[in-house]
Amino acid sequence: LPAAHPPASPAEKPLPFELTSAHGVAVLVLGVLVCRFGAEVDPRIHAALTSSLLALLDSPSEAGRLAAADLLSKAYLVWRSHLPQPAALIRTLFNYAAAAAAAAAAAAT
């Protein structure tokens, strides 16, 4: 997980699965079930799901990055025990938010 900035290019860190693949859909569906509805899952699945969401943060797909950022940020307490570097995740999410705000401000002018 990058400590303070998004990946330089999608080619640097290829996503191990496609968002539209069965794995990608399962990650999104399980992420929503855990995040929004508090679904109980096996700790091993929980750890794998957290790992997949972290991988999505480096996705070349903006939709993948946004989905992962949304799920990880809205249910941080759910994922926290499975995060290898919680502070790095918080910095990464902050940097994504700052970059999006700067891009929106630039587009408005």
Protein backbone atom coordinates (compact mmCIF):
# COMPACT_ATOMS: atom_id res chain seq x y z
CA LEU A 1 0.00 0.00 0.00
CA PRO A 2 1.54 3.32 -0.98
CA ALA A 3 2.37 5.42 2.05
CA ALA A 4 1.41 8.87 0.85
CA HIS A 5 0.33 8.98 -2.76
CA PRO A 6 -1.61 7.09 -5.45
CA PRO A 7 0.35 4.78 -7.76
CA ALA A 8 2.27 6.62 -10.47
CA SER A 9 0.71 4.61 -13.27
CA PRO A 10 -1.65 1.65 -13.65
CA ALA A 11 1.13 -0.32 -15.36
CA GLU A 12 3.23 -0.21 -12.18
CA LYS A 13 0.88 -2.34 -10.13
CA PRO A 14 -1.52 -4.45 -12.18
CA LEU A 15 -4.70 -5.49 -10.45
CA PRO A 16 -4.72 -9.24 -9.76
CA PHE A 17 -8.36 -9.45 -10.93
CA GLU A 18 -10.76 -7.56 -13.16
CA LEU A 19 -13.54 -5.63 -11.48
CA THR A 20 -16.07 -7.29 -13.80
CA SER A 21 -14.74 -10.80 -13.12
CA ALA A 22 -16.43 -13.18 -10.69
CA HIS A 23 -13.76 -12.30 -8.12
CA GLY A 24 -14.29 -8.57 -8.63
CA VAL A 25 -18.06 -8.84 -8.30
CA ALA A 26 -17.70 -11.03 -5.21
CA VAL A 27 -15.37 -8.47 -3.60
CA LEU A 28 -17.85 -5.66 -4.23
CA VAL A 29 -20.91 -7.62 -3.09
CA LEU A 30 -19.23 -8.98 0.06
CA GLY A 31 -17.76 -5.56 0.78
CA VAL A 32 -21.19 -3.97 0.64
CA LEU A 33 -22.74 -6.73 2.76
CA VAL A 34 -20.07 -6.35 5.43
CA CYS A 35 -19.91 -2.56 5.27
CA ARG A 36 -23.56 -1.61 5.02
CA PHE A 37 -25.32 -4.54 6.65
CA GLY A 38 -22.77 -5.87 9.14
CA ALA A 39 -22.73 -9.35 7.60
CA GLU A 40 -20.66 -11.84 9.58
CA VAL A 41 -18.00 -13.63 7.55
CA ASP A 42 -15.24 -16.08 8.39
CA PRO A 43 -12.08 -14.24 9.54
CA ARG A 44 -10.07 -15.76 6.65
CA ILE A 45 -12.61 -14.44 4.14
CA HIS A 46 -12.60 -11.10 5.93
CA ALA A 47 -8.80 -10.90 5.62
CA ALA A 48 -8.93 -11.85 1.92
CA LEU A 49 -11.68 -9.32 1.30
CA THR A 50 -9.67 -6.57 2.99
CA SER A 51 -6.64 -7.50 0.90
CA SER A 52 -8.71 -7.37 -2.29
CA LEU A 53 -10.14 -3.97 -1.39
CA LEU A 54 -6.62 -2.68 -0.75
CA ALA A 55 -5.60 -4.01 -4.18
CA LEU A 56 -8.55 -2.17 -5.74
CA LEU A 57 -7.12 1.12 -4.42
CA ASP A 58 -4.35 0.64 -7.02
CA SER A 59 -6.78 -0.28 -9.79
CA PRO A 60 -6.38 1.37 -13.19
CA SER A 61 -10.17 1.65 -13.10
CA GLU A 62 -11.45 4.80 -11.43
CA ALA A 63 -14.64 2.91 -10.53
CA GLY A 64 -12.57 0.28 -8.73
CA ARG A 65 -10.58 2.87 -6.81
CA LEU A 66 -13.72 4.77 -5.82
CA ALA A 67 -15.55 1.63 -4.72
CA ALA A 68 -12.62 0.45 -2.63
CA ALA A 69 -12.08 3.88 -1.08
CA ASP A 70 -15.77 4.16 -0.25
CA LEU A 71 -16.01 0.72 1.35
CA LEU A 72 -12.73 1.02 3.24
CA SER A 73 -13.51 4.48 4.56
CA LYS A 74 -17.15 3.93 5.53
CA ALA A 75 -16.42 0.78 7.50
CA TYR A 76 -12.87 1.45 8.68
CA LEU A 77 -13.55 -0.13 12.07
CA VAL A 78 -14.64 -3.33 10.33
CA TRP A 79 -11.46 -3.62 8.25
CA ARG A 80 -8.95 -2.17 10.76
CA SER A 81 -7.89 -5.49 12.30
CA HIS A 82 -6.97 -6.84 8.86
CA LEU A 83 -5.01 -3.80 7.63
CA PRO A 84 -1.24 -4.25 7.46
CA GLN A 85 -0.64 -0.47 7.74
CA PRO A 86 -3.73 1.43 8.93
CA ALA A 87 -1.96 4.81 8.90
CA ALA A 88 -0.87 4.26 5.29
CA LEU A 89 -4.47 3.56 4.28
CA ILE A 90 -5.66 6.75 5.95
CA ARG A 91 -2.94 8.78 4.19
CA THR A 92 -3.80 7.18 0.85
CA LEU A 93 -7.52 7.91 1.25
CA PHE A 94 -6.73 11.50 2.29
CA ASN A 95 -4.48 11.95 -0.76
CA TYR A 96 -7.15 10.58 -3.09
CA ALA A 97 -9.70 12.98 -1.56
CA ALA A 98 -7.32 15.93 -1.85
CA ALA A 99 -6.50 15.09 -5.47
CA ALA A 100 -10.22 14.79 -6.32
CA ALA A 101 -10.95 18.14 -4.65
CA ALA A 102 -8.09 19.81 -6.53
CA ALA A 103 -9.29 18.33 -9.83
CA ALA A 104 -12.85 19.52 -9.15
CA ALA A 105 -11.62 23.02 -8.29
CA ALA A 106 -9.49 23.14 -11.44
CA ALA A 107 -12.42 21.99 -13.56
CA ALA A 108 -14.66 24.67 -12.06
CA THR A 109 -12.31 27.50 -13.08
